């Protein structure tokens, strides 16, 4: 087994109301920053042992589907790297 870190980034799908992002975007614009769009996201770093990066990604995918994200309103990305 090898140690891996799987990073799961969960964000609301486009079109789903994101009040936190809207408030942050307005505040940034008041500070003089121009933005086309802003979305908030949650990032989960999962340290786990697995036989391969593919196995670690499959386990992270299952965790995302079962708990970390609601597929009705969320999109998510998974990145896996060997732990240092």
PDB file of N, CA and C in Angstrom:
ATOM      1  N   UNK A   1       0.837  -1.183   0.000  1.00  0.00           N
ATOM      2  CA  UNK A   1       0.000   0.000   0.000  1.00  0.00           C
ATOM      3  C   UNK A   1       0.883   1.248   0.000  1.00  0.00           C
ATOM      4  N   UNK A   2       0.374   2.270  -0.636  1.00  0.00           N
ATOM      5  CA  UNK A   2       1.073   3.545  -0.755  1.00  0.00           C
ATOM      6  C   UNK A   2       0.169   4.647  -0.216  1.00  0.00           C
ATOM      7  N   UNK A   3       0.757   5.672   0.354  1.00  0.00           N
ATOM      8  CA  UNK A   3      -0.009   6.800   0.878  1.00  0.00           C
ATOM      9  C   UNK A   3      -0.306   7.784  -0.255  1.00  0.00           C
ATOM     10  N   UNK A   4      -1.559   8.179  -0.352  1.00  0.00           N
ATOM     11  CA  UNK A   4      -2.013   9.143  -1.349  1.00  0.00           C
ATOM     12  C   UNK A   4      -2.813  10.240  -0.664  1.00  0.00           C
ATOM     13  N   UNK A   5      -2.866  11.390  -1.304  1.00  0.00           N
ATOM     14  CA  UNK A   5      -3.759  12.459  -0.886  1.00  0.00           C
ATOM     15  C   UNK A   5      -4.713  12.716  -2.035  1.00  0.00           C
ATOM     16  N   UNK A   6      -5.987  12.533  -1.766  1.00  0.00           N
ATOM     17  CA  UNK A   6      -7.028  12.831  -2.751  1.00  0.00           C
ATOM     18  C   UNK A   6      -7.660  14.148  -2.364  1.00  0.00           C
ATOM     19  N   UNK A   7      -7.710  15.074  -3.306  1.00  0.00           N
ATOM     20  CA  UNK A   7      -8.322  16.372  -3.072  1.00  0.00           C
ATOM     21  C   UNK A   7      -9.644  16.413  -3.818  1.00  0.00           C
ATOM     22  N   UNK A   8     -10.729  16.594  -3.064  1.00  0.00           N
ATOM     23  CA  UNK A   8     -12.071  16.662  -3.643  1.00  0.00           C
ATOM     24  C   UNK A   8     -12.553  18.102  -3.505  1.00  0.00           C
ATOM     25  N   UNK A   9     -12.816  18.739  -4.640  1.00  0.00           N
ATOM     26  CA  UNK A   9     -13.317  20.111  -4.652  1.00  0.00           C
ATOM     27  C   UNK A   9     -14.788  20.063  -5.038  1.00  0.00           C
ATOM     28  N   UNK A  10     -15.644  20.539  -4.142  1.00  0.00           N
ATOM     29  CA  UNK A  10     -17.095  20.490  -4.335  1.00  0.00           C
ATOM     30  C   UNK A  10     -17.605  21.918  -4.488  1.00  0.00           C
ATOM     31  N   UNK A  11     -18.364  22.159  -5.566  1.00  0.00           N
ATOM     32  CA  UNK A  11     -18.945  23.492  -5.784  1.00  0.00           C
ATOM     33  C   UNK A  11     -20.367  23.331  -6.284  1.00  0.00           C
ATOM     34  N   UNK A  12     -21.149  24.380  -6.079  1.00  0.00           N
ATOM     35  CA  UNK A  12     -22.518  24.370  -6.577  1.00  0.00           C
ATOM     36  C   UNK A  12     -22.513  24.411  -8.104  1.00  0.00           C
ATOM     37  N   UNK A  13     -23.456  23.723  -8.713  1.00  0.00           N
ATOM     38  CA  UNK A  13     -23.585  23.760 -10.165  1.00  0.00           C
ATOM     39  C   UNK A  13     -23.972  25.167 -10.601  1.00  0.00           C
ATOM     40  N   UNK A  14     -23.600  25.508 -11.827  1.00  0.00           N
ATOM     41  CA  UNK A  14     -24.003  26.806 -12.375  1.00  0.00           C
ATOM     42  C   UNK A  14     -25.528  26.877 -12.378  1.00  0.00           C
ATOM     43  N   UNK A  15     -26.049  28.028 -11.998  1.00  0.00           N
ATOM     44  CA  UNK A  15     -27.495  28.207 -11.954  1.00  0.00           C
ATOM     45  C   UNK A  15     -28.095  27.967 -10.579  1.00  0.00           C
ATOM     46  N   UNK A  16     -27.339  27.308  -9.682  1.00  0.00           N
ATOM     47  CA  UNK A  16     -27.817  27.094  -8.315  1.00  0.00           C
ATOM     48  C   UNK A  16     -27.410  28.311  -7.497  1.00  0.00           C
ATOM     49  N   UNK A  17     -28.355  28.853  -6.740  1.00  0.00           N
ATOM     50  CA  UNK A  17     -28.104  30.044  -5.935  1.00  0.00           C
ATOM     51  C   UNK A  17     -26.920  29.834  -4.998  1.00  0.00           C
ATOM     52  N   UNK A  18     -25.985  30.774  -5.005  1.00  0.00           N
ATOM     53  CA  UNK A  18     -24.783  30.707  -4.168  1.00  0.00           C
ATOM     54  C   UNK A  18     -24.633  32.042  -3.438  1.00  0.00           C
ATOM     55  N   UNK A  19     -25.399  32.249  -2.355  1.00  0.00           N
ATOM     56  CA  UNK A  19     -25.380  33.539  -1.659  1.00  0.00           C
ATOM     57  C   UNK A  19     -24.001  33.939  -1.139  1.00  0.00           C
ATOM     58  N   UNK A  20     -23.227  32.989  -0.677  1.00  0.00           N
ATOM     59  CA  UNK A  20     -21.883  33.300  -0.170  1.00  0.00           C
ATOM     60  C   UNK A  20     -21.020  33.896  -1.289  1.00  0.00           C
ATOM     61  N   UNK A  21     -21.064  33.281  -2.460  1.00  0.00           N
ATOM     62  CA  UNK A  21     -20.275  33.778  -3.595  1.00  0.00           C
ATOM     63  C   UNK A  21     -20.781  35.134  -4.066  1.00  0.00           C
ATOM     64  N   UNK A  22     -22.092  35.314  -4.076  1.00  0.00           N
ATOM     65  CA  UNK A  22     -22.653  36.605  -4.510  1.00  0.00           C
ATOM     66  C   UNK A  22     -22.205  37.732  -3.591  1.00  0.00           C
ATOM     67  N   UNK A  23     -22.241  37.502  -2.296  1.00  0.00           N
ATOM     68  CA  UNK A  23     -21.807  38.510  -1.327  1.00  0.00           C
ATOM     69  C   UNK A  23     -20.323  38.808  -1.490  1.00  0.00           C
ATOM     70  N   UNK A  24     -19.522  37.771  -1.659  1.00  0.00           N
ATOM     71  CA  UNK A  24     -18.083  37.952  -1.826  1.00  0.00           C
ATOM     72  C   UNK A  24     -17.782  38.700  -3.118  1.00  0.00           C
ATOM     73  N   UNK A  25     -18.480  38.355  -4.192  1.00  0.00           N
ATOM     74  CA  UNK A  25     -18.258  39.027  -5.461  1.00  0.00           C
ATOM     75  C   UNK A  25     -18.580  40.521  -5.361  1.00  0.00           C
ATOM     76  N   UNK A  26     -19.714  40.839  -4.743  1.00  0.00           N
ATOM     77  CA  UNK A  26     -20.074  42.256  -4.569  1.00  0.00           C
ATOM     78  C   UNK A  26     -19.013  42.996  -3.770  1.00  0.00           C
ATOM     79  N   UNK A  27     -18.509  42.364  -2.710  1.00  0.00           N
ATOM     80  CA  UNK A  27     -17.480  42.995  -1.881  1.00  0.00           C
ATOM     81  C   UNK A  27     -16.188  43.209  -2.674  1.00  0.00           C
ATOM     82  N   UNK A  28     -15.789  42.230  -3.459  1.00  0.00           N
ATOM     83  CA  UNK A  28     -14.590  42.383  -4.281  1.00  0.00           C
ATOM     84  C   UNK A  28     -14.763  43.493  -5.310  1.00  0.00           C
ATOM     85  N   UNK A  29     -15.957  43.582  -5.900  1.00  0.00           N
ATOM     86  CA  UNK A  29     -16.216  44.630  -6.888  1.00  0.00           C
ATOM     87  C   UNK A  29     -16.175  46.018  -6.235  1.00  0.00           C
ATOM     88  N   UNK A  30     -16.662  46.121  -4.994  1.00  0.00           N
ATOM     89  CA  UNK A  30     -16.590  47.395  -4.262  1.00  0.00           C
ATOM     90  C   UNK A  30     -15.141  47.793  -3.981  1.00  0.00           C
ATOM     91  N   UNK A  31     -14.275  46.802  -3.887  1.00  0.00           N
ATOM     92  CA  UNK A  31     -12.858  47.064  -3.664  1.00  0.00           C
ATOM     93  C   UNK A  31     -12.115  47.364  -4.967  1.00  0.00           C
ATOM     94  N   UNK A  32     -12.836  47.332  -6.096  1.00  0.00           N
ATOM     95  CA  UNK A  32     -12.231  47.678  -7.370  1.00  0.00           C
ATOM     96  C   UNK A  32     -11.826  46.512  -8.246  1.00  0.00           C
ATOM     97  N   UNK A  33     -12.136  45.287  -7.842  1.00  0.00           N
ATOM     98  CA  UNK A  33     -11.806  44.120  -8.654  1.00  0.00           C
ATOM     99  C   UNK A  33     -12.957  43.820  -9.610  1.00  0.00           C
ATOM    100  N   UNK A  34     -12.625  43.624 -10.878  1.00  0.00           N
ATOM    101  CA  UNK A  34     -13.651  43.287 -11.860  1.00  0.00           C
ATOM    102  C   UNK A  34     -13.709  41.774 -12.024  1.00  0.00           C
ATOM    103  N   UNK A  35     -14.913  41.214 -11.922  1.00  0.00           N
ATOM    104  CA  UNK A  35     -15.107  39.763 -12.048  1.00  0.00           C
ATOM    105  C   UNK A  35     -16.247  39.476 -13.013  1.00  0.00           C
ATOM    106  N   UNK A  36     -16.125  38.401 -13.748  1.00  0.00           N
ATOM    107  CA  UNK A  36     -17.242  37.929 -14.565  1.00  0.00           C
ATOM    108  C   UNK A  36     -18.166  37.047 -13.728  1.00  0.00           C
ATOM    109  N   UNK A  37     -17.573  36.275 -12.824  1.00  0.00           N
ATOM    110  CA  UNK A  37     -18.356  35.355 -11.998  1.00  0.00           C
ATOM    111  C   UNK A  37     -17.480  34.894 -10.844  1.00  0.00           C
ATOM    112  N   UNK A  38     -18.109  34.440  -9.795  1.00  0.00           N
ATOM    113  CA  UNK A  38     -17.396  33.894  -8.655  1.00  0.00           C
ATOM    114  C   UNK A  38     -18.273  32.797  -8.063  1.00  0.00           C
ATOM    115  N   UNK A  39     -17.677  31.661  -7.756  1.00  0.00           N
ATOM    116  CA  UNK A  39     -18.392  30.579  -7.094  1.00  0.00           C
ATOM    117  C   UNK A  39     -17.586  30.123  -5.892  1.00  0.00           C
ATOM    118  N   UNK A  40     -18.274  29.817  -4.826  1.00  0.00           N
ATOM    119  CA  UNK A  40     -17.587  29.295  -3.650  1.00  0.00           C
ATOM    120  C   UNK A  40     -17.410  27.787  -3.820  1.00  0.00           C
ATOM    121  N   UNK A  41     -16.453  27.232  -3.091  1.00  0.00           N
ATOM    122  CA  UNK A  41     -16.195  25.794  -3.166  1.00  0.00           C
ATOM    123  C   UNK A  41     -15.696  25.302  -1.818  1.00  0.00           C
ATOM    124  N   UNK A  42     -15.952  24.037  -1.559  1.00  0.00           N
ATOM    125  CA  UNK A  42     -15.393  23.365  -0.392  1.00  0.00           C
ATOM    126  C   UNK A  42     -14.321  22.414  -0.897  1.00  0.00           C
ATOM    127  N   UNK A  43     -13.188  22.380  -0.197  1.00  0.00           N
ATOM    128  CA  UNK A  43     -12.093  21.490  -0.579  1.00  0.00           C
ATOM    129  C   UNK A  43     -11.852  20.523   0.568  1.00  0.00           C
ATOM    130  N   UNK A  44     -11.855  19.235   0.232  1.00  0.00           N
ATOM    131  CA  UNK A  44     -11.598  18.173   1.203  1.00  0.00           C
ATOM    132  C   UNK A  44     -10.312  17.476   0.790  1.00  0.00           C
ATOM    133  N   UNK A  45      -9.355  17.370   1.709  1.00  0.00           N
ATOM    134  CA  UNK A  45      -8.125  16.623   1.460  1.00  0.00           C
ATOM    135  C   UNK A  45      -8.200  15.322   2.232  1.00  0.00           C
ATOM    136  N   UNK A  46      -8.151  14.230   1.506  1.00  0.00           N
ATOM    137  CA  UNK A  46      -8.287  12.902   2.093  1.00  0.00           C
ATOM    138  C   UNK A  46      -6.942  12.188   2.031  1.00  0.00           C
ATOM    139  N   UNK A  47      -6.359  11.888   3.167  1.00  0.00           N
ATOM    140  CA  UNK A  47      -5.124  11.106   3.214  1.00  0.00           C
ATOM    141  C   UNK A  47      -5.519   9.651   3.389  1.00  0.00           C
ATOM    142  N   UNK A  48      -5.077   8.806   2.445  1.00  0.00           N
ATOM    143  CA  UNK A  48      -5.469   7.406   2.513  1.00  0.00           C
ATOM    144  C   UNK A  48      -4.400   6.518   1.901  1.00  0.00           C
ATOM    145  N   UNK A  49      -4.414   5.254   2.298  1.00  0.00           N
ATOM    146  CA  UNK A  49      -3.523   4.250   1.724  1.00  0.00           C
ATOM    147  C   UNK A  49      -4.290   3.486   0.668  1.00  0.00           C
ATOM    148  N   UNK A  50      -3.630   3.232  -0.451  1.00  0.00           N
ATOM    149  CA  UNK A  50      -4.267   2.500  -1.544  1.00  0.00           C
ATOM    150  C   UNK A  50      -3.193   1.786  -2.344  1.00  0.00           C
ATOM    151  N   UNK A  51      -3.610   0.806  -3.126  1.00  0.00           N
ATOM    152  CA  UNK A  51      -2.675   0.054  -3.954  1.00  0.00           C
ATOM    153  C   UNK A  51      -2.170   0.867  -5.140  1.00  0.00           C
ATOM    154  N   UNK A  52      -2.987   1.827  -5.605  1.00  0.00           N
ATOM    155  CA  UNK A  52      -2.608   2.638  -6.765  1.00  0.00           C
ATOM    156  C   UNK A  52      -3.358   3.966  -6.710  1.00  0.00           C
ATOM    157  N   UNK A  53      -2.936   4.907  -7.550  1.00  0.00           N
ATOM    158  CA  UNK A  53      -3.628   6.191  -7.641  1.00  0.00           C
ATOM    159  C   UNK A  53      -5.057   5.984  -8.120  1.00  0.00           C
ATOM    160  N   UNK A  54      -5.250   5.024  -9.024  1.00  0.00           N
ATOM    161  CA  UNK A  54      -6.596   4.745  -9.526  1.00  0.00           C
ATOM    162  C   UNK A  54      -7.510   4.239  -8.410  1.00  0.00           C
ATOM    163  N   UNK A  55      -6.968   3.376  -7.540  1.00  0.00           N
ATOM    164  CA  UNK A  55      -7.745   2.875  -6.410  1.00  0.00           C
ATOM    165  C   UNK A  55      -8.092   4.012  -5.447  1.00  0.00           C
ATOM    166  N   UNK A  56      -7.135   4.897  -5.195  1.00  0.00           N
ATOM    167  CA  UNK A  56      -7.390   6.050  -4.326  1.00  0.00           C
ATOM    168  C   UNK A  56      -8.464   6.946  -4.934  1.00  0.00           C
ATOM    169  N   UNK A  57      -8.412   7.155  -6.258  1.00  0.00           N
ATOM    170  CA  UNK A  57      -9.416   7.980  -6.938  1.00  0.00           C
ATOM    171  C   UNK A  57     -10.796   7.337  -6.861  1.00  0.00           C
ATOM    172  N   UNK A  58     -10.875   6.033  -7.007  1.00  0.00           N
ATOM    173  CA  UNK A  58     -12.165   5.335  -6.906  1.00  0.00           C
ATOM    174  C   UNK A  58     -12.754   5.487  -5.512  1.00  0.00           C
ATOM    175  N   UNK A  59     -11.920   5.364  -4.490  1.00  0.00           N
ATOM    176  CA  UNK A  59     -12.408   5.517  -3.114  1.00  0.00           C
ATOM    177  C   UNK A  59     -12.868   6.947  -2.858  1.00  0.00           C
ATOM    178  N   UNK A  60     -12.117   7.921  -3.354  1.00  0.00           N
ATOM    179  CA  UNK A  60     -12.511   9.323  -3.190  1.00  0.00           C
ATOM    180  C   UNK A  60     -13.810   9.599  -3.940  1.00  0.00           C
ATOM    181  N   UNK A  61     -13.969   9.015  -5.111  1.00  0.00           N
ATOM    182  CA  UNK A  61     -15.205   9.163  -5.894  1.00  0.00           C
ATOM    183  C   UNK A  61     -16.402   8.636  -5.107  1.00  0.00           C
ATOM    184  N   UNK A  62     -16.243   7.478  -4.492  1.00  0.00           N
ATOM    185  CA  UNK A  62     -17.334   6.911  -3.700  1.00  0.00           C
ATOM    186  C   UNK A  62     -17.672   7.810  -2.505  1.00  0.00           C
ATOM    187  N   UNK A  63     -16.650   8.354  -1.855  1.00  0.00           N
ATOM    188  CA  UNK A  63     -16.889   9.260  -0.726  1.00  0.00           C
ATOM    189  C   UNK A  63     -17.631  10.513  -1.191  1.00  0.00           C
ATOM    190  N   UNK A  64     -17.233  11.040  -2.351  1.00  0.00           N
ATOM    191  CA  UNK A  64     -17.895  12.235  -2.883  1.00  0.00           C
ATOM    192  C   UNK A  64     -19.354  11.941  -3.202  1.00  0.00           C
ATOM    193  N   UNK A  65     -19.602  10.818  -3.836  1.00  0.00           N
ATOM    194  CA  UNK A  65     -20.972  10.469  -4.214  1.00  0.00           C
ATOM    195  C   UNK A  65     -21.856  10.178  -3.004  1.00  0.00           C
ATOM    196  N   UNK A  66     -21.286   9.552  -1.978  1.00  0.00           N
ATOM    197  CA  UNK A  66     -22.097   9.127  -0.840  1.00  0.00           C
ATOM    198  C   UNK A  66     -22.262  10.188   0.238  1.00  0.00           C
ATOM    199  N   UNK A  67     -21.308  11.147   0.337  1.00  0.00           N
ATOM    200  CA  UNK A  67     -21.405  12.102   1.442  1.00  0.00           C
ATOM    201  C   UNK A  67     -20.961  13.524   1.105  1.00  0.00           C
ATOM    202  N   UNK A  68     -19.842  13.675   0.450  1.00  0.00           N
ATOM    203  CA  UNK A  68     -19.242  15.000   0.303  1.00  0.00           C
ATOM    204  C   UNK A  68     -20.005  15.927  -0.634  1.00  0.00           C
ATOM    205  N   UNK A  69     -20.711  15.365  -1.608  1.00  0.00           N
ATOM    206  CA  UNK A  69     -21.432  16.181  -2.590  1.00  0.00           C
ATOM    207  C   UNK A  69     -22.843  15.653  -2.772  1.00  0.00           C
ATOM    208  N   UNK A  70     -23.747  16.568  -3.087  1.00  0.00           N
ATOM    209  CA  UNK A  70     -25.111  16.204  -3.468  1.00  0.00           C
ATOM    210  C   UNK A  70     -25.169  16.339  -4.992  1.00  0.00           C
ATOM    211  N   UNK A  71     -25.245  15.230  -5.727  1.00  0.00           N
ATOM    212  CA  UNK A  71     -25.159  15.306  -7.186  1.00  0.00           C
ATOM    213  C   UNK A  71     -26.266  16.130  -7.839  1.00  0.00           C
ATOM    214  N   UNK A  72     -27.328  16.408  -7.122  1.00  0.00           N
ATOM    215  CA  UNK A  72     -28.406  17.228  -7.672  1.00  0.00           C
ATOM    216  C   UNK A  72     -27.974  18.684  -7.794  1.00  0.00           C
ATOM    217  N   UNK A  73     -27.192  19.172  -6.835  1.00  0.00           N
ATOM    218  CA  UNK A  73     -26.823  20.591  -6.839  1.00  0.00           C
ATOM    219  C   UNK A  73     -25.322  20.847  -6.927  1.00  0.00           C
ATOM    220  N   UNK A  74     -24.503  19.817  -6.780  1.00  0.00           N
ATOM    221  CA  UNK A  74     -23.048  20.011  -6.762  1.00  0.00           C
ATOM    222  C   UNK A  74     -22.348  19.350  -7.949  1.00  0.00           C
ATOM    223  N   UNK A  75     -21.269  19.969  -8.372  1.00  0.00           N
ATOM    224  CA  UNK A  75     -20.258  19.346  -9.229  1.00  0.00           C
ATOM    225  C   UNK A  75     -19.042  19.131  -8.345  1.00  0.00           C
ATOM    226  N   UNK A  76     -18.196  18.169  -8.700  1.00  0.00           N
ATOM    227  CA  UNK A  76     -16.965  17.992  -7.937  1.00  0.00           C
ATOM    228  C   UNK A  76     -15.855  17.483  -8.841  1.00  0.00           C
ATOM    229  N   UNK A  77     -14.632  17.788  -8.432  1.00  0.00           N
ATOM    230  CA  UNK A  77     -13.429  17.332  -9.114  1.00  0.00           C
ATOM    231  C   UNK A  77     -12.584  16.581  -8.104  1.00  0.00           C
ATOM    232  N   UNK A  78     -11.870  15.581  -8.591  1.00  0.00           N
ATOM    233  CA  UNK A  78     -10.988  14.799  -7.723  1.00  0.00           C
ATOM    234  C   UNK A  78      -9.596  14.781  -8.333  1.00  0.00           C
ATOM    235  N   UNK A  79      -8.610  15.106  -7.515  1.00  0.00           N
ATOM    236  CA  UNK A  79      -7.211  15.012  -7.908  1.00  0.00           C
ATOM    237  C   UNK A  79      -6.503  14.124  -6.895  1.00  0.00           C
ATOM    238  N   UNK A  80      -5.655  13.245  -7.381  1.00  0.00           N
ATOM    239  CA  UNK A  80      -4.927  12.324  -6.501  1.00  0.00           C
ATOM    240  C   UNK A  80      -3.440  12.496  -6.725  1.00  0.00           C
ATOM    241  N   UNK A  81      -2.704  12.577  -5.639  1.00  0.00           N
ATOM    242  CA  UNK A  81      -1.245  12.662  -5.705  1.00  0.00           C
ATOM    243  C   UNK A  81      -0.646  11.738  -4.646  1.00  0.00           C
ATOM    244  N   UNK A  82       0.493  11.193  -4.961  1.00  0.00           N
ATOM    245  CA  UNK A  82       1.187  10.380  -3.972  1.00  0.00           C
ATOM    246  C   UNK A  82       1.651  11.281  -2.855  1.00  0.00           C
ATOM    247  N   UNK A  83       1.421  10.856  -1.619  1.00  0.00           N
ATOM    248  CA  UNK A  83       1.803  11.669  -0.452  1.00  0.00           C
ATOM    249  C   UNK A  83       3.324  11.744  -0.361  1.00  0.00           C
ATOM    250  N   UNK A  84       3.780  12.859   0.136  1.00  0.00           N
ATOM    251  CA  UNK A  84       5.226  13.074   0.261  1.00  0.00           C
ATOM    252  C   UNK A  84       5.742  12.510   1.546  1.00  0.00           C
TER     253      UNK A  84
END
